Amino acid sequence: MRIEDNVWIGESVCILPGVTIGKHSVVGALSCVTKSIPPYSIAVGNPARVIKQYNFQTCSWERV
């Protein structure tokens, strides 16, 4: 498991071995992270999936 800089992890999150959570990402409460999360992402659910990513060209969060 690898957690990069400035990551926010909600309460009661399960992170499985071998997973990387990219910098500046958010993992919602009660999520189960089974695969890696890219940087600047918001992931929620069981299993966790990315629902939004930050777009630097438009300077906004976009749904995935």
PDB file of N, CA and C in Angstrom:
ATOM      1  N   MET A   1       0.854  -1.169   0.000  1.00  0.00           N
ATOM      2  CA  MET A   1       0.000   0.000   0.000  1.00  0.00           C
ATOM      3  C   MET A   1       0.898   1.229   0.000  1.00  0.00           C
ATOM      4  N   ARG A   2       0.547   2.203  -0.841  1.00  0.00           N
ATOM      5  CA  ARG A   2       1.293   3.457  -0.917  1.00  0.00           C
ATOM      6  C   ARG A   2       0.300   4.608  -0.954  1.00  0.00           C
ATOM      7  N   ILE A   3       0.458   5.535  -0.017  1.00  0.00           N
ATOM      8  CA  ILE A   3      -0.408   6.711   0.042  1.00  0.00           C
ATOM      9  C   ILE A   3       0.476   7.925  -0.188  1.00  0.00           C
ATOM     10  N   GLU A   4       0.204   8.647  -1.277  1.00  0.00           N
ATOM     11  CA  GLU A   4       1.026   9.797  -1.639  1.00  0.00           C
ATOM     12  C   GLU A   4       0.622  11.043  -0.846  1.00  0.00           C
ATOM     13  N   ASP A   5       1.254  12.178  -1.137  1.00  0.00           N
ATOM     14  CA  ASP A   5       1.071  13.423  -0.384  1.00  0.00           C
ATOM     15  C   ASP A   5      -0.343  14.001  -0.492  1.00  0.00           C
ATOM     16  N   ASN A   6      -0.780  14.625   0.596  1.00  0.00           N
ATOM     17  CA  ASN A   6      -2.032  15.386   0.672  1.00  0.00           C
ATOM     18  C   ASN A   6      -3.264  14.570   0.274  1.00  0.00           C
ATOM     19  N   VAL A   7      -3.344  13.344   0.769  1.00  0.00           N
ATOM     20  CA  VAL A   7      -4.494  12.476   0.521  1.00  0.00           C
ATOM     21  C   VAL A   7      -5.414  12.537   1.727  1.00  0.00           C
ATOM     22  N   TRP A   8      -6.716  12.632   1.483  1.00  0.00           N
ATOM     23  CA  TRP A   8      -7.705  12.618   2.562  1.00  0.00           C
ATOM     24  C   TRP A   8      -8.431  11.285   2.488  1.00  0.00           C
ATOM     25  N   ILE A   9      -8.406  10.543   3.605  1.00  0.00           N
ATOM     26  CA  ILE A   9      -9.069   9.231   3.685  1.00  0.00           C
ATOM     27  C   ILE A   9     -10.162   9.312   4.731  1.00  0.00           C
ATOM     28  N   GLY A  10     -11.386   9.020   4.312  1.00  0.00           N
ATOM     29  CA  GLY A  10     -12.531   9.078   5.212  1.00  0.00           C
ATOM     30  C   GLY A  10     -12.491   7.979   6.268  1.00  0.00           C
ATOM     31  N   GLU A  11     -13.455   8.035   7.152  1.00  0.00           N
ATOM     32  CA  GLU A  11     -13.547   7.095   8.268  1.00  0.00           C
ATOM     33  C   GLU A  11     -13.909   5.696   7.789  1.00  0.00           C
ATOM     34  N   SER A  12     -13.309   4.685   8.409  1.00  0.00           N
ATOM     35  CA  SER A  12     -13.585   3.262   8.168  1.00  0.00           C
ATOM     36  C   SER A  12     -13.331   2.826   6.727  1.00  0.00           C
ATOM     37  N   VAL A  13     -12.283   3.361   6.111  1.00  0.00           N
ATOM     38  CA  VAL A  13     -11.907   2.969   4.747  1.00  0.00           C
ATOM     39  C   VAL A  13     -10.991   1.759   4.808  1.00  0.00           C
ATOM     40  N   CYS A  14     -11.214   0.804   3.915  1.00  0.00           N
ATOM     41  CA  CYS A  14     -10.382  -0.387   3.799  1.00  0.00           C
ATOM     42  C   CYS A  14      -9.518  -0.214   2.546  1.00  0.00           C
ATOM     43  N   ILE A  15      -8.183  -0.294   2.719  1.00  0.00           N
ATOM     44  CA  ILE A  15      -7.264  -0.179   1.592  1.00  0.00           C
ATOM     45  C   ILE A  15      -6.488  -1.487   1.498  1.00  0.00           C
ATOM     46  N   LEU A  16      -6.630  -2.181   0.383  1.00  0.00           N
ATOM     47  CA  LEU A  16      -5.991  -3.485   0.207  1.00  0.00           C
ATOM     48  C   LEU A  16      -4.512  -3.349  -0.143  1.00  0.00           C
ATOM     49  N   PRO A  17      -3.718  -4.390   0.109  1.00  0.00           N
ATOM     50  CA  PRO A  17      -2.288  -4.359  -0.203  1.00  0.00           C
ATOM     51  C   PRO A  17      -2.041  -4.159  -1.700  1.00  0.00           C
ATOM     52  N   GLY A  18      -0.950  -3.471  -2.028  1.00  0.00           N
ATOM     53  CA  GLY A  18      -0.563  -3.267  -3.422  1.00  0.00           C
ATOM     54  C   GLY A  18      -1.239  -2.102  -4.103  1.00  0.00           C
ATOM     55  N   VAL A  19      -2.085  -1.376  -3.384  1.00  0.00           N
ATOM     56  CA  VAL A  19      -2.829  -0.251  -3.944  1.00  0.00           C
ATOM     57  C   VAL A  19      -2.062   1.044  -3.710  1.00  0.00           C
ATOM     58  N   THR A  20      -2.088   1.947  -4.709  1.00  0.00           N
ATOM     59  CA  THR A  20      -1.510   3.279  -4.575  1.00  0.00           C
ATOM     60  C   THR A  20      -2.627   4.304  -4.668  1.00  0.00           C
ATOM     61  N   ILE A  21      -2.622   5.245  -3.739  1.00  0.00           N
ATOM     62  CA  ILE A  21      -3.588   6.353  -3.783  1.00  0.00           C
ATOM     63  C   ILE A  21      -2.792   7.587  -4.161  1.00  0.00           C
ATOM     64  N   GLY A  22      -3.106   8.156  -5.325  1.00  0.00           N
ATOM     65  CA  GLY A  22      -2.360   9.280  -5.874  1.00  0.00           C
ATOM     66  C   GLY A  22      -2.497  10.554  -5.064  1.00  0.00           C
ATOM     67  N   LYS A  23      -1.531  11.459  -5.250  1.00  0.00           N
ATOM     68  CA  LYS A  23      -1.493  12.709  -4.487  1.00  0.00           C
ATOM     69  C   LYS A  23      -2.749  13.550  -4.709  1.00  0.00           C
ATOM     70  N   HIS A  24      -3.126  14.266  -3.660  1.00  0.00           N
ATOM     71  CA  HIS A  24      -4.269  15.187  -3.649  1.00  0.00           C
ATOM     72  C   HIS A  24      -5.594  14.482  -3.967  1.00  0.00           C
ATOM     73  N   SER A  25      -5.731  13.223  -3.588  1.00  0.00           N
ATOM     74  CA  SER A  25      -6.974  12.490  -3.817  1.00  0.00           C
ATOM     75  C   SER A  25      -7.791  12.396  -2.539  1.00  0.00           C
ATOM     76  N   VAL A  26      -9.071  12.069  -2.705  1.00  0.00           N
ATOM     77  CA  VAL A  26     -10.004  11.919  -1.590  1.00  0.00           C
ATOM     78  C   VAL A  26     -10.665  10.554  -1.719  1.00  0.00           C
ATOM     79  N   VAL A  27     -10.706   9.818  -0.602  1.00  0.00           N
ATOM     80  CA  VAL A  27     -11.411   8.534  -0.561  1.00  0.00           C
ATOM     81  C   VAL A  27     -12.535   8.676   0.457  1.00  0.00           C
ATOM     82  N   GLY A  28     -13.770   8.490   0.013  1.00  0.00           N
ATOM     83  CA  GLY A  28     -14.936   8.675   0.860  1.00  0.00           C
ATOM     84  C   GLY A  28     -15.048   7.634   1.964  1.00  0.00           C
ATOM     85  N   ALA A  29     -15.756   7.996   3.012  1.00  0.00           N
ATOM     86  CA  ALA A  29     -15.958   7.134   4.173  1.00  0.00           C
ATOM     87  C   ALA A  29     -16.602   5.804   3.767  1.00  0.00           C
ATOM     88  N   LEU A  30     -16.220   4.753   4.471  1.00  0.00           N
ATOM     89  CA  LEU A  30     -16.732   3.385   4.295  1.00  0.00           C
ATOM     90  C   LEU A  30     -16.415   2.774   2.932  1.00  0.00           C
ATOM     91  N   SER A  31     -15.468   3.342   2.195  1.00  0.00           N
ATOM     92  CA  SER A  31     -15.083   2.796   0.890  1.00  0.00           C
ATOM     93  C   SER A  31     -14.086   1.660   1.063  1.00  0.00           C
ATOM     94  N   CYS A  32     -14.025   0.779   0.071  1.00  0.00           N
ATOM     95  CA  CYS A  32     -13.050  -0.303   0.053  1.00  0.00           C
ATOM     96  C   CYS A  32     -12.235  -0.152  -1.230  1.00  0.00           C
ATOM     97  N   VAL A  33     -10.965   0.244  -1.085  1.00  0.00           N
ATOM     98  CA  VAL A  33     -10.110   0.511  -2.234  1.00  0.00           C
ATOM     99  C   VAL A  33      -9.418  -0.787  -2.644  1.00  0.00           C
ATOM    100  N   THR A  34      -9.803  -1.313  -3.815  1.00  0.00           N
ATOM    101  CA  THR A  34      -9.262  -2.581  -4.292  1.00  0.00           C
ATOM    102  C   THR A  34      -8.255  -2.403  -5.412  1.00  0.00           C
ATOM    103  N   LYS A  35      -8.245  -1.220  -6.059  1.00  0.00           N
ATOM    104  CA  LYS A  35      -7.256  -0.937  -7.096  1.00  0.00           C
ATOM    105  C   LYS A  35      -6.809   0.515  -6.979  1.00  0.00           C
ATOM    106  N   SER A  36      -5.696   0.831  -7.605  1.00  0.00           N
ATOM    107  CA  SER A  36      -5.065   2.137  -7.448  1.00  0.00           C
ATOM    108  C   SER A  36      -5.958   3.287  -7.902  1.00  0.00           C
ATOM    109  N   ILE A  37      -5.818   4.411  -7.195  1.00  0.00           N
ATOM    110  CA  ILE A  37      -6.567   5.632  -7.481  1.00  0.00           C
ATOM    111  C   ILE A  37      -5.582   6.645  -8.067  1.00  0.00           C
ATOM    112  N   PRO A  38      -5.885   7.240  -9.233  1.00  0.00           N
ATOM    113  CA  PRO A  38      -4.955   8.206  -9.823  1.00  0.00           C
ATOM    114  C   PRO A  38      -4.912   9.515  -9.031  1.00  0.00           C
ATOM    115  N   PRO A  39      -3.868  10.320  -9.232  1.00  0.00           N
ATOM    116  CA  PRO A  39      -3.778  11.615  -8.541  1.00  0.00           C
ATOM    117  C   PRO A  39      -4.953  12.527  -8.888  1.00  0.00           C
ATOM    118  N   TYR A  40      -5.271  13.436  -7.960  1.00  0.00           N
ATOM    119  CA  TYR A  40      -6.321  14.450  -8.138  1.00  0.00           C
ATOM    120  C   TYR A  40      -7.662  13.811  -8.478  1.00  0.00           C
ATOM    121  N   SER A  41      -8.060  12.816  -7.689  1.00  0.00           N
ATOM    122  CA  SER A  41      -9.315  12.096  -7.915  1.00  0.00           C
ATOM    123  C   SER A  41     -10.144  12.022  -6.644  1.00  0.00           C
ATOM    124  N   ILE A  42     -11.444  11.791  -6.831  1.00  0.00           N
ATOM    125  CA  ILE A  42     -12.354  11.517  -5.721  1.00  0.00           C
ATOM    126  C   ILE A  42     -12.917  10.123  -5.970  1.00  0.00           C
ATOM    127  N   ALA A  43     -12.750   9.234  -4.988  1.00  0.00           N
ATOM    128  CA  ALA A  43     -13.215   7.850  -5.129  1.00  0.00           C
ATOM    129  C   ALA A  43     -14.121   7.483  -3.955  1.00  0.00           C
ATOM    130  N   VAL A  44     -15.196   6.761  -4.253  1.00  0.00           N
ATOM    131  CA  VAL A  44     -16.145   6.325  -3.223  1.00  0.00           C
ATOM    132  C   VAL A  44     -16.700   4.952  -3.576  1.00  0.00           C
ATOM    133  N   GLY A  45     -17.261   4.280  -2.592  1.00  0.00           N
ATOM    134  CA  GLY A  45     -18.003   3.050  -2.826  1.00  0.00           C
ATOM    135  C   GLY A  45     -17.272   1.789  -2.409  1.00  0.00           C
ATOM    136  N   ASN A  46     -17.973   0.670  -2.612  1.00  0.00           N
ATOM    137  CA  ASN A  46     -17.442  -0.638  -2.279  1.00  0.00           C
ATOM    138  C   ASN A  46     -17.740  -1.583  -3.449  1.00  0.00           C
ATOM    139  N   PRO A  47     -16.776  -1.858  -4.303  1.00  0.00           N
ATOM    140  CA  PRO A  47     -15.399  -1.355  -4.289  1.00  0.00           C
ATOM    141  C   PRO A  47     -15.345   0.101  -4.730  1.00  0.00           C
ATOM    142  N   ALA A  48     -14.317   0.803  -4.261  1.00  0.00           N
ATOM    143  CA  ALA A  48     -14.182   2.227  -4.577  1.00  0.00           C
ATOM    144  C   ALA A  48     -13.947   2.422  -6.072  1.00  0.00           C
ATOM    145  N   ARG A  49     -14.604   3.443  -6.610  1.00  0.00           N
ATOM    146  CA  ARG A  49     -14.373   3.804  -8.002  1.00  0.00           C
ATOM    147  C   ARG A  49     -14.262   5.320  -8.078  1.00  0.00           C
ATOM    148  N   VAL A  50     -13.518   5.794  -9.054  1.00  0.00           N
ATOM    149  CA  VAL A  50     -13.305   7.230  -9.219  1.00  0.00           C
ATOM    150  C   VAL A  50     -14.572   7.841  -9.804  1.00  0.00           C
ATOM    151  N   ILE A  51     -15.094   8.878  -9.136  1.00  0.00           N
ATOM    152  CA  ILE A  51     -16.289   9.549  -9.646  1.00  0.00           C
ATOM    153  C   ILE A  51     -15.979  10.933 -10.214  1.00  0.00           C
ATOM    154  N   LYS A  52     -14.848  11.533  -9.779  1.00  0.00           N
ATOM    155  CA  LYS A  52     -14.448  12.838 -10.300  1.00  0.00           C
ATOM    156  C   LYS A  52     -12.935  12.929 -10.368  1.00  0.00           C
ATOM    157  N   GLN A  53     -12.449  13.717 -11.339  1.00  0.00           N
ATOM    158  CA  GLN A  53     -11.031  14.022 -11.451  1.00  0.00           C
ATOM    159  C   GLN A  53     -10.883  15.500 -11.770  1.00  0.00           C
ATOM    160  N   TYR A  54      -9.781  16.084 -11.286  1.00  0.00           N
ATOM    161  CA  TYR A  54      -9.537  17.499 -11.529  1.00  0.00           C
ATOM    162  C   TYR A  54      -8.919  17.678 -12.906  1.00  0.00           C
ATOM    163  N   ASN A  55      -9.482  18.612 -13.698  1.00  0.00           N
ATOM    164  CA  ASN A  55      -8.979  18.925 -15.028  1.00  0.00           C
ATOM    165  C   ASN A  55      -8.234  20.252 -14.940  1.00  0.00           C
ATOM    166  N   PHE A  56      -6.923  20.218 -15.177  1.00  0.00           N
ATOM    167  CA  PHE A  56      -6.107  21.423 -15.050  1.00  0.00           C
ATOM    168  C   PHE A  56      -6.315  22.394 -16.205  1.00  0.00           C
ATOM    169  N   GLN A  57      -6.833  21.930 -17.333  1.00  0.00           N
ATOM    170  CA  GLN A  57      -7.083  22.822 -18.455  1.00  0.00           C
ATOM    171  C   GLN A  57      -8.293  23.708 -18.208  1.00  0.00           C
ATOM    172  N   THR A  58      -9.339  23.160 -17.595  1.00  0.00           N
ATOM    173  CA  THR A  58     -10.542  23.943 -17.309  1.00  0.00           C
ATOM    174  C   THR A  58     -10.586  24.430 -15.874  1.00  0.00           C
ATOM    175  N   CYS A  59      -9.624  23.980 -15.068  1.00  0.00           N
ATOM    176  CA  CYS A  59      -9.553  24.343 -13.643  1.00  0.00           C
ATOM    177  C   CYS A  59     -10.841  23.997 -12.908  1.00  0.00           C
ATOM    178  N   SER A  60     -11.344  22.790 -13.136  1.00  0.00           N
ATOM    179  CA  SER A  60     -12.565  22.352 -12.467  1.00  0.00           C
ATOM    180  C   SER A  60     -12.567  20.838 -12.290  1.00  0.00           C
ATOM    181  N   TRP A  61     -13.444  20.371 -11.378  1.00  0.00           N
ATOM    182  CA  TRP A  61     -13.636  18.938 -11.165  1.00  0.00           C
ATOM    183  C   TRP A  61     -14.633  18.435 -12.185  1.00  0.00           C
ATOM    184  N   GLU A  62     -14.329  17.305 -12.826  1.00  0.00           N
ATOM    185  CA  GLU A  62     -15.202  16.751 -13.851  1.00  0.00           C
ATOM    186  C   GLU A  62     -15.583  15.314 -13.489  1.00  0.00           C
ATOM    187  N   ARG A  63     -16.838  14.970 -13.756  1.00  0.00           N
ATOM    188  CA  ARG A  63     -17.314  13.599 -13.518  1.00  0.00           C
ATOM    189  C   ARG A  63     -16.624  12.646 -14.495  1.00  0.00           C
ATOM    190  N   VAL A  64     -16.389  11.446 -13.989  1.00  0.00           N
ATOM    191  CA  VAL A  64     -15.736  10.422 -14.832  1.00  0.00           C
ATOM    192  C   VAL A  64     -16.790   9.486 -15.352  1.00  0.00           C
TER     193      VAL A  64
END
